[in-house]
Amino acid sequence: NAKNTVDLQMNSLKPDDTAVYYCNARARAHGY
């Protein structure tokens, strides 16, 4: 929270994990 970052550590990756990964910020009525 101090750096405003969100990380995703992905281990044991599989071919099915292949994709474009998107970061999302969601509030009650809107998101980015």
Full PDB file with SEQRES, HELIX, SHEET, SSBOND, CRYST1, ORIGX, SCALE, CONECT and MASTER records, all heavy atoms in Angstrom:
SEQRES   1 A   32  ASN ALA LYS ASN THR VAL ASP LEU GLN MET ASN SER LEU          
SEQRES   2 A   32  LYS PRO ASP ASP THR ALA VAL TYR TYR CYS ASN ALA ARG          
SEQRES   3 A   32  ALA ARG ALA HIS GLY TYR                                      
HELIX    1 AA1 PRO A   15  ASP A   17  5                                   3    
CRYST1    1.000    1.000    1.000  90.00  90.00  90.00 P 1           1          
ORIGX1      1.000000  0.000000  0.000000        0.00000                         
ORIGX2      0.000000  1.000000  0.000000        0.00000                         
ORIGX3      0.000000  0.000000  1.000000        0.00000                         
SCALE1      1.000000  0.000000  0.000000        0.00000                         
SCALE2      0.000000  1.000000  0.000000        0.00000                         
SCALE3      0.000000  0.000000  1.000000        0.00000                         
ATOM      1  N   ASN A   1       0.809  -1.216   0.000  1.00  0.00           N  
ATOM      2  CA  ASN A   1       0.000   0.000   0.000  1.00  0.00           C  
ATOM      3  C   ASN A   1       0.846   1.272   0.000  1.00  0.00           C  
ATOM      4  O   ASN A   1       0.408   2.309  -0.487  1.00  0.00           O  
ATOM      5  CB  ASN A   1      -0.943   0.001   1.196  1.00  0.00           C  
ATOM      6  CG  ASN A   1      -2.041  -1.036   1.053  1.00  0.00           C  
ATOM      7  OD1 ASN A   1      -2.398  -1.414  -0.059  1.00  0.00           O  
ATOM      8  ND2 ASN A   1      -2.571  -1.509   2.164  1.00  0.00           N  
ATOM      9  N   ALA A   2       2.035   1.193   0.530  1.00  0.00           N  
ATOM     10  CA  ALA A   2       2.902   2.365   0.538  1.00  0.00           C  
ATOM     11  C   ALA A   2       3.388   2.707  -0.869  1.00  0.00           C  
ATOM     12  O   ALA A   2       3.624   3.874  -1.181  1.00  0.00           O  
ATOM     13  CB  ALA A   2       4.085   2.131   1.461  1.00  0.00           C  
ATOM     14  N   LYS A   3       3.519   1.689  -1.701  1.00  0.00           N  
ATOM     15  CA  LYS A   3       4.013   1.895  -3.067  1.00  0.00           C  
ATOM     16  C   LYS A   3       2.899   1.852  -4.104  1.00  0.00           C  
ATOM     17  O   LYS A   3       3.162   2.044  -5.293  1.00  0.00           O  
ATOM     18  CB  LYS A   3       5.065   0.838  -3.404  1.00  0.00           C  
ATOM     19  CG  LYS A   3       6.318   0.911  -2.549  1.00  0.00           C  
ATOM     20  CD  LYS A   3       7.309  -0.154  -2.969  1.00  0.00           C  
ATOM     21  CE  LYS A   3       8.576  -0.090  -2.118  1.00  0.00           C  
ATOM     22  NZ  LYS A   3       9.563  -1.137  -2.505  1.00  0.00           N  
ATOM     23  N   ASN A   4       1.665   1.575  -3.676  1.00  0.00           N  
ATOM     24  CA  ASN A   4       0.539   1.446  -4.602  1.00  0.00           C  
ATOM     25  C   ASN A   4       0.799   0.376  -5.659  1.00  0.00           C  
ATOM     26  O   ASN A   4       0.559   0.590  -6.855  1.00  0.00           O  
ATOM     27  CB  ASN A   4       0.226   2.783  -5.285  1.00  0.00           C  
ATOM     28  CG  ASN A   4      -0.679   3.656  -4.440  1.00  0.00           C  
ATOM     29  OD1 ASN A   4      -0.826   3.433  -3.246  1.00  0.00           O  
ATOM     30  ND2 ASN A   4      -1.287   4.648  -5.062  1.00  0.00           N  
ATOM     31  N   THR A   5       1.300  -0.761  -5.220  1.00  0.00           N  
ATOM     32  CA  THR A   5       1.550  -1.847  -6.147  1.00  0.00           C  
ATOM     33  C   THR A   5       0.795  -3.110  -5.723  1.00  0.00           C  
ATOM     34  O   THR A   5       0.557  -3.340  -4.530  1.00  0.00           O  
ATOM     35  CB  THR A   5       3.041  -2.191  -6.233  1.00  0.00           C  
ATOM     36  OG1 THR A   5       3.524  -2.540  -4.931  1.00  0.00           O  
ATOM     37  CG2 THR A   5       3.846  -1.015  -6.772  1.00  0.00           C  
ATOM     38  N   VAL A   6       0.426  -3.885  -6.722  1.00  0.00           N  
ATOM     39  CA  VAL A   6      -0.162  -5.200  -6.485  1.00  0.00           C  
ATOM     40  C   VAL A   6       0.604  -6.189  -7.345  1.00  0.00           C  
ATOM     41  O   VAL A   6       0.781  -5.974  -8.548  1.00  0.00           O  
ATOM     42  CB  VAL A   6      -1.677  -5.225  -6.780  1.00  0.00           C  
ATOM     43  CG1 VAL A   6      -2.005  -4.707  -8.169  1.00  0.00           C  
ATOM     44  CG2 VAL A   6      -2.243  -6.618  -6.569  1.00  0.00           C  
ATOM     45  N   ASP A   7       1.094  -7.233  -6.735  1.00  0.00           N  
ATOM     46  CA  ASP A   7       1.910  -8.230  -7.409  1.00  0.00           C  
ATOM     47  C   ASP A   7       1.176  -9.559  -7.508  1.00  0.00           C  
ATOM     48  O   ASP A   7       0.304  -9.866  -6.685  1.00  0.00           O  
ATOM     49  CB  ASP A   7       3.223  -8.442  -6.660  1.00  0.00           C  
ATOM     50  CG  ASP A   7       4.151  -7.250  -6.747  1.00  0.00           C  
ATOM     51  OD1 ASP A   7       3.856  -6.312  -7.530  1.00  0.00           O  
ATOM     52  OD2 ASP A   7       5.159  -7.232  -6.028  1.00  0.00           O  
ATOM     53  N   LEU A   8       1.573 -10.336  -8.492  1.00  0.00           N  
ATOM     54  CA  LEU A   8       1.055 -11.692  -8.641  1.00  0.00           C  
ATOM     55  C   LEU A   8       2.246 -12.618  -8.837  1.00  0.00           C  
ATOM     56  O   LEU A   8       2.886 -12.581  -9.887  1.00  0.00           O  
ATOM     57  CB  LEU A   8       0.092 -11.798  -9.823  1.00  0.00           C  
ATOM     58  CG  LEU A   8      -0.589 -13.146  -9.984  1.00  0.00           C  
ATOM     59  CD1 LEU A   8      -1.595 -13.374  -8.852  1.00  0.00           C  
ATOM     60  CD2 LEU A   8      -1.288 -13.245 -11.341  1.00  0.00           C  
ATOM     61  N   GLN A   9       2.540 -13.410  -7.825  1.00  0.00           N  
ATOM     62  CA  GLN A   9       3.601 -14.410  -7.925  1.00  0.00           C  
ATOM     63  C   GLN A   9       2.995 -15.679  -8.493  1.00  0.00           C  
ATOM     64  O   GLN A   9       2.056 -16.232  -7.920  1.00  0.00           O  
ATOM     65  CB  GLN A   9       4.208 -14.677  -6.547  1.00  0.00           C  
ATOM     66  CG  GLN A   9       5.279 -15.750  -6.542  1.00  0.00           C  
ATOM     67  CD  GLN A   9       6.510 -15.357  -7.332  1.00  0.00           C  
ATOM     68  OE1 GLN A   9       6.972 -14.222  -7.249  1.00  0.00           O  
ATOM     69  NE2 GLN A   9       7.027 -16.288  -8.115  1.00  0.00           N  
ATOM     70  N   MET A  10       3.532 -16.120  -9.614  1.00  0.00           N  
ATOM     71  CA  MET A  10       2.991 -17.284 -10.302  1.00  0.00           C  
ATOM     72  C   MET A  10       4.038 -18.383 -10.328  1.00  0.00           C  
ATOM     73  O   MET A  10       5.107 -18.218 -10.929  1.00  0.00           O  
ATOM     74  CB  MET A  10       2.578 -16.909 -11.729  1.00  0.00           C  
ATOM     75  CG  MET A  10       1.620 -15.729 -11.789  1.00  0.00           C  
ATOM     76  SD  MET A  10       1.011 -15.399 -13.459  1.00  0.00           S  
ATOM     77  CE  MET A  10       2.529 -14.881 -14.256  1.00  0.00           C  
ATOM     78  N   ASN A  11       3.749 -19.489  -9.672  1.00  0.00           N  
ATOM     79  CA  ASN A  11       4.648 -20.637  -9.620  1.00  0.00           C  
ATOM     80  C   ASN A  11       4.015 -21.841 -10.314  1.00  0.00           C  
ATOM     81  O   ASN A  11       2.807 -21.866 -10.557  1.00  0.00           O  
ATOM     82  CB  ASN A  11       4.962 -20.988  -8.164  1.00  0.00           C  
ATOM     83  CG  ASN A  11       5.651 -19.870  -7.417  1.00  0.00           C  
ATOM     84  OD1 ASN A  11       6.435 -19.112  -7.994  1.00  0.00           O  
ATOM     85  ND2 ASN A  11       5.378 -19.761  -6.129  1.00  0.00           N  
ATOM     86  N   SER A  12       4.837 -22.811 -10.605  1.00  0.00           N  
ATOM     87  CA  SER A  12       4.361 -24.048 -11.249  1.00  0.00           C  
ATOM     88  C   SER A  12       3.486 -23.735 -12.457  1.00  0.00           C  
ATOM     89  O   SER A  12       2.391 -24.284 -12.620  1.00  0.00           O  
ATOM     90  CB  SER A  12       3.589 -24.905 -10.242  1.00  0.00           C  
ATOM     91  OG  SER A  12       4.379 -25.226  -9.128  1.00  0.00           O  
ATOM     92  N   LEU A  13       3.965 -22.864 -13.299  1.00  0.00           N  
ATOM     93  CA  LEU A  13       3.162 -22.426 -14.438  1.00  0.00           C  
ATOM     94  C   LEU A  13       2.909 -23.552 -15.422  1.00  0.00           C  
ATOM     95  O   LEU A  13       3.753 -24.440 -15.620  1.00  0.00           O  
ATOM     96  CB  LEU A  13       3.853 -21.256 -15.129  1.00  0.00           C  
ATOM     97  CG  LEU A  13       3.688 -19.921 -14.399  1.00  0.00           C  
ATOM     98  CD1 LEU A  13       4.758 -18.930 -14.854  1.00  0.00           C  
ATOM     99  CD2 LEU A  13       2.307 -19.355 -14.646  1.00  0.00           C  
ATOM    100  N   LYS A  14       1.724 -23.491 -16.035  1.00  0.00           N  
ATOM    101  CA  LYS A  14       1.290 -24.486 -16.998  1.00  0.00           C  
ATOM    102  C   LYS A  14       1.009 -23.800 -18.335  1.00  0.00           C  
ATOM    103  O   LYS A  14       0.699 -22.605 -18.371  1.00  0.00           O  
ATOM    104  CB  LYS A  14       0.012 -25.151 -16.502  1.00  0.00           C  
ATOM    105  CG  LYS A  14       0.098 -25.767 -15.128  1.00  0.00           C  
ATOM    106  CD  LYS A  14      -1.265 -26.291 -14.689  1.00  0.00           C  
ATOM    107  CE  LYS A  14      -1.214 -26.882 -13.287  1.00  0.00           C  
ATOM    108  NZ  LYS A  14      -2.551 -27.374 -12.860  1.00  0.00           N  
ATOM    109  N   PRO A  15       1.063 -24.552 -19.436  1.00  0.00           N  
ATOM    110  CA  PRO A  15       0.708 -23.942 -20.723  1.00  0.00           C  
ATOM    111  C   PRO A  15      -0.683 -23.302 -20.711  1.00  0.00           C  
ATOM    112  O   PRO A  15      -0.897 -22.297 -21.396  1.00  0.00           O  
ATOM    113  CB  PRO A  15       0.776 -25.135 -21.681  1.00  0.00           C  
ATOM    114  CG  PRO A  15       1.822 -26.018 -21.080  1.00  0.00           C  
ATOM    115  CD  PRO A  15       1.622 -25.906 -19.593  1.00  0.00           C  
ATOM    116  N   ASP A  16      -1.611 -23.856 -19.939  1.00  0.00           N  
ATOM    117  CA  ASP A  16      -2.958 -23.280 -19.843  1.00  0.00           C  
ATOM    118  C   ASP A  16      -2.980 -21.905 -19.182  1.00  0.00           C  
ATOM    119  O   ASP A  16      -3.996 -21.205 -19.243  1.00  0.00           O  
ATOM    120  CB  ASP A  16      -3.895 -24.213 -19.072  1.00  0.00           C  
ATOM    121  CG  ASP A  16      -4.353 -25.404 -19.904  1.00  0.00           C  
ATOM    122  OD1 ASP A  16      -4.105 -25.386 -21.136  1.00  0.00           O  
ATOM    123  OD2 ASP A  16      -4.941 -26.332 -19.337  1.00  0.00           O  
ATOM    124  N   ASP A  17      -1.893 -21.521 -18.542  1.00  0.00           N  
ATOM    125  CA  ASP A  17      -1.804 -20.183 -17.941  1.00  0.00           C  
ATOM    126  C   ASP A  17      -1.458 -19.117 -18.968  1.00  0.00           C  
ATOM    127  O   ASP A  17      -1.448 -17.919 -18.646  1.00  0.00           O  
ATOM    128  CB  ASP A  17      -0.766 -20.167 -16.820  1.00  0.00           C  
ATOM    129  CG  ASP A  17      -1.147 -21.055 -15.650  1.00  0.00           C  
ATOM    130  OD1 ASP A  17      -2.330 -21.065 -15.262  1.00  0.00           O  
ATOM    131  OD2 ASP A  17      -0.253 -21.753 -15.122  1.00  0.00           O  
ATOM    132  N   THR A  18      -1.150 -19.526 -20.187  1.00  0.00           N  
ATOM    133  CA  THR A  18      -0.819 -18.566 -21.241  1.00  0.00           C  
ATOM    134  C   THR A  18      -1.991 -17.635 -21.512  1.00  0.00           C  
ATOM    135  O   THR A  18      -3.108 -18.086 -21.783  1.00  0.00           O  
ATOM    136  CB  THR A  18      -0.428 -19.303 -22.527  1.00  0.00           C  
ATOM    137  OG1 THR A  18       0.778 -20.042 -22.297  1.00  0.00           O  
ATOM    138  CG2 THR A  18      -0.226 -18.330 -23.677  1.00  0.00           C  
ATOM    139  N   ALA A  19      -1.748 -16.336 -21.413  1.00  0.00           N  
ATOM    140  CA  ALA A  19      -2.807 -15.348 -21.590  1.00  0.00           C  
ATOM    141  C   ALA A  19      -2.209 -13.952 -21.466  1.00  0.00           C  
ATOM    142  O   ALA A  19      -1.042 -13.799 -21.074  1.00  0.00           O  
ATOM    143  CB  ALA A  19      -3.898 -15.516 -20.529  1.00  0.00           C  
ATOM    144  N   VAL A  20      -3.020 -12.962 -21.784  1.00  0.00           N  
ATOM    145  CA  VAL A  20      -2.696 -11.591 -21.423  1.00  0.00           C  
ATOM    146  C   VAL A  20      -3.267 -11.345 -20.030  1.00  0.00           C  
ATOM    147  O   VAL A  20      -4.454 -11.609 -19.789  1.00  0.00           O  
ATOM    148  CB  VAL A  20      -3.277 -10.577 -22.422  1.00  0.00           C  
ATOM    149  CG1 VAL A  20      -2.958  -9.143 -21.978  1.00  0.00           C  
ATOM    150  CG2 VAL A  20      -2.730 -10.833 -23.817  1.00  0.00           C  
ATOM    151  N   TYR A  21      -2.434 -10.880 -19.140  1.00  0.00           N  
ATOM    152  CA  TYR A  21      -2.828 -10.644 -17.752  1.00  0.00           C  
ATOM    153  C   TYR A  21      -3.067  -9.151 -17.544  1.00  0.00           C  
ATOM    154  O   TYR A  21      -2.224  -8.327 -17.902  1.00  0.00           O  
ATOM    155  CB  TYR A  21      -1.752 -11.154 -16.803  1.00  0.00           C  
ATOM    156  CG  TYR A  21      -1.782 -12.656 -16.661  1.00  0.00           C  
ATOM    157  CD1 TYR A  21      -1.397 -13.477 -17.718  1.00  0.00           C  
ATOM    158  CD2 TYR A  21      -2.215 -13.270 -15.488  1.00  0.00           C  
ATOM    159  CE1 TYR A  21      -1.452 -14.863 -17.614  1.00  0.00           C  
ATOM    160  CE2 TYR A  21      -2.263 -14.654 -15.363  1.00  0.00           C  
ATOM    161  CZ  TYR A  21      -1.879 -15.440 -16.440  1.00  0.00           C  
ATOM    162  OH  TYR A  21      -1.932 -16.808 -16.322  1.00  0.00           O  
ATOM    163  N   TYR A  22      -4.206  -8.842 -16.941  1.00  0.00           N  
ATOM    164  CA  TYR A  22      -4.613  -7.454 -16.738  1.00  0.00           C  
ATOM    165  C   TYR A  22      -4.749  -7.137 -15.251  1.00  0.00           C  
ATOM    166  O   TYR A  22      -5.334  -7.918 -14.492  1.00  0.00           O  
ATOM    167  CB  TYR A  22      -5.969  -7.186 -17.393  1.00  0.00           C  
ATOM    168  CG  TYR A  22      -5.987  -7.331 -18.887  1.00  0.00           C  
ATOM    169  CD1 TYR A  22      -6.282  -8.543 -19.498  1.00  0.00           C  
ATOM    170  CD2 TYR A  22      -5.711  -6.236 -19.703  1.00  0.00           C  
ATOM    171  CE1 TYR A  22      -6.314  -8.671 -20.870  1.00  0.00           C  
ATOM    172  CE2 TYR A  22      -5.727  -6.351 -21.082  1.00  0.00           C  
ATOM    173  CZ  TYR A  22      -6.026  -7.572 -21.658  1.00  0.00           C  
ATOM    174  OH  TYR A  22      -6.047  -7.696 -23.023  1.00  0.00           O  
ATOM    175  N   CYS A  23      -4.257  -5.995 -14.879  1.00  0.00           N  
ATOM    176  CA  CYS A  23      -4.442  -5.470 -13.537  1.00  0.00           C  
ATOM    177  C   CYS A  23      -5.777  -4.720 -13.486  1.00  0.00           C  
ATOM    178  O   CYS A  23      -6.158  -4.058 -14.458  1.00  0.00           O  
ATOM    179  CB  CYS A  23      -3.290  -4.520 -13.210  1.00  0.00           C  
ATOM    180  SG  CYS A  23      -3.355  -3.755 -11.585  1.00  0.00           S  
ATOM    181  N   ASN A  24      -6.470  -4.831 -12.368  1.00  0.00           N  
ATOM    182  CA  ASN A  24      -7.779  -4.196 -12.218  1.00  0.00           C  
ATOM    183  C   ASN A  24      -7.899  -3.558 -10.849  1.00  0.00           C  
ATOM    184  O   ASN A  24      -7.462  -4.119  -9.846  1.00  0.00           O  
ATOM    185  CB  ASN A  24      -8.872  -5.240 -12.408  1.00  0.00           C  
ATOM    186  CG  ASN A  24     -10.257  -4.693 -12.141  1.00  0.00           C  
ATOM    187  OD1 ASN A  24     -10.813  -4.851 -11.060  1.00  0.00           O  
ATOM    188  ND2 ASN A  24     -10.814  -4.031 -13.138  1.00  0.00           N  
ATOM    189  N   ALA A  25      -8.489  -2.381 -10.827  1.00  0.00           N  
ATOM    190  CA  ALA A  25      -8.835  -1.699  -9.584  1.00  0.00           C  
ATOM    191  C   ALA A  25     -10.348  -1.509  -9.581  1.00  0.00           C  
ATOM    192  O   ALA A  25     -10.888  -0.882 -10.498  1.00  0.00           O  
ATOM    193  CB  ALA A  25      -8.125  -0.353  -9.483  1.00  0.00           C  
ATOM    194  N   ARG A  26     -11.028  -2.047  -8.568  1.00  0.00           N  
ATOM    195  CA  ARG A  26     -12.491  -2.039  -8.568  1.00  0.00           C  
ATOM    196  C   ARG A  26     -13.032  -1.391  -7.308  1.00  0.00           C  
ATOM    197  O   ARG A  26     -12.681  -1.782  -6.196  1.00  0.00           O  
ATOM    198  CB  ARG A  26     -13.020  -3.463  -8.696  1.00  0.00           C  
ATOM    199  CG  ARG A  26     -14.537  -3.585  -8.639  1.00  0.00           C  
ATOM    200  CD  ARG A  26     -14.969  -4.975  -9.081  1.00  0.00           C  
ATOM    201  NE  ARG A  26     -14.342  -6.034  -8.326  1.00  0.00           N  
ATOM    202  CZ  ARG A  26     -14.827  -6.559  -7.206  1.00  0.00           C  
ATOM    203  NH1 ARG A  26     -15.940  -6.060  -6.684  1.00  0.00           N  
ATOM    204  NH2 ARG A  26     -14.214  -7.546  -6.584  1.00  0.00           N  
ATOM    205  N   ALA A  27     -13.886  -0.396  -7.538  1.00  0.00           N  
ATOM    206  CA  ALA A  27     -14.629   0.206  -6.436  1.00  0.00           C  
ATOM    207  C   ALA A  27     -16.102  -0.175  -6.618  1.00  0.00           C  
ATOM    208  O   ALA A  27     -16.434  -0.945  -7.506  1.00  0.00           O  
ATOM    209  CB  ALA A  27     -14.439   1.719  -6.441  1.00  0.00           C  
ATOM    210  N   ARG A  28     -16.975   0.383  -5.791  1.00  0.00           N  
ATOM    211  CA  ARG A  28     -18.374  -0.050  -5.827  1.00  0.00           C  
ATOM    212  C   ARG A  28     -19.022   0.240  -7.174  1.00  0.00           C  
ATOM    213  O   ARG A  28     -19.768  -0.587  -7.705  1.00  0.00           O  
ATOM    214  CB  ARG A  28     -19.153   0.637  -4.719  1.00  0.00           C  
ATOM    215  CG  ARG A  28     -20.608   0.196  -4.628  1.00  0.00           C  
ATOM    216  CD  ARG A  28     -21.289   0.810  -3.456  1.00  0.00           C  
ATOM    217  NE  ARG A  28     -20.684   0.414  -2.195  1.00  0.00           N  
ATOM    218  CZ  ARG A  28     -21.070   0.872  -1.014  1.00  0.00           C  
ATOM    219  NH1 ARG A  28     -22.050   1.753  -0.932  1.00  0.00           N  
ATOM    220  NH2 ARG A  28     -20.486   0.462   0.087  1.00  0.00           N  
ATOM    221  N   ALA A  29     -18.755   1.397  -7.731  1.00  0.00           N  
ATOM    222  CA  ALA A  29     -19.488   1.813  -8.931  1.00  0.00           C  
ATOM    223  C   ALA A  29     -18.606   1.979 -10.160  1.00  0.00           C  
ATOM    224  O   ALA A  29     -19.112   2.334 -11.223  1.00  0.00           O  
ATOM    225  CB  ALA A  29     -20.231   3.111  -8.657  1.00  0.00           C  
ATOM    226  N   HIS A  30     -17.333   1.741 -10.040  1.00  0.00           N  
ATOM    227  CA  HIS A  30     -16.461   1.933 -11.191  1.00  0.00           C  
ATOM    228  C   HIS A  30     -15.174   1.136 -11.017  1.00  0.00           C  
ATOM    229  O   HIS A  30     -14.907   0.612  -9.935  1.00  0.00           O  
ATOM    230  CB  HIS A  30     -16.142   3.431 -11.383  1.00  0.00           C  
ATOM    231  CG  HIS A  30     -15.368   4.007 -10.232  1.00  0.00           C  
ATOM    232  ND1 HIS A  30     -15.971   4.440  -9.073  1.00  0.00           N  
ATOM    233  CD2 HIS A  30     -14.041   4.219 -10.076  1.00  0.00           C  
ATOM    234  CE1 HIS A  30     -15.057   4.886  -8.248  1.00  0.00           C  
ATOM    235  NE2 HIS A  30     -13.871   4.773  -8.827  1.00  0.00           N  
ATOM    236  N   GLY A  31     -14.431   1.076 -12.090  1.00  0.00           N  
ATOM    237  CA  GLY A  31     -13.169   0.356 -12.030  1.00  0.00           C  
ATOM    238  C   GLY A  31     -12.243   0.793 -13.138  1.00  0.00           C  
ATOM    239  O   GLY A  31     -12.643   1.538 -14.050  1.00  0.00           O  
ATOM    240  N   TYR A  32     -11.032   0.325 -13.048  1.00  0.00           N  
ATOM    241  CA  TYR A  32     -10.013   0.677 -14.033  1.00  0.00           C  
ATOM    242  C   TYR A  32      -9.218  -0.566 -14.419  1.00  0.00           C  
ATOM    243  O   TYR A  32      -9.064  -1.492 -13.622  1.00  0.00           O  
ATOM    244  CB  TYR A  32      -9.060   1.734 -13.445  1.00  0.00           C  
ATOM    245  CG  TYR A  32      -9.750   2.986 -12.986  1.00  0.00           C  
ATOM    246  CD1 TYR A  32     -10.060   3.176 -11.644  1.00  0.00           C  
ATOM    247  CD2 TYR A  32     -10.108   3.983 -13.893  1.00  0.00           C  
ATOM    248  CE1 TYR A  32     -10.709   4.317 -11.208  1.00  0.00           C  
ATOM    249  CE2 TYR A  32     -10.752   5.139 -13.463  1.00  0.00           C  
ATOM    250  CZ  TYR A  32     -11.052   5.287 -12.120  1.00  0.00           C  
ATOM    251  OH  TYR A  32     -11.690   6.423 -11.698  1.00  0.00           O  
TER     252      TYR A  32                                                      
MASTER        0    0    0    1    0    0    0    6  251    1    0    3          
END                                                                             
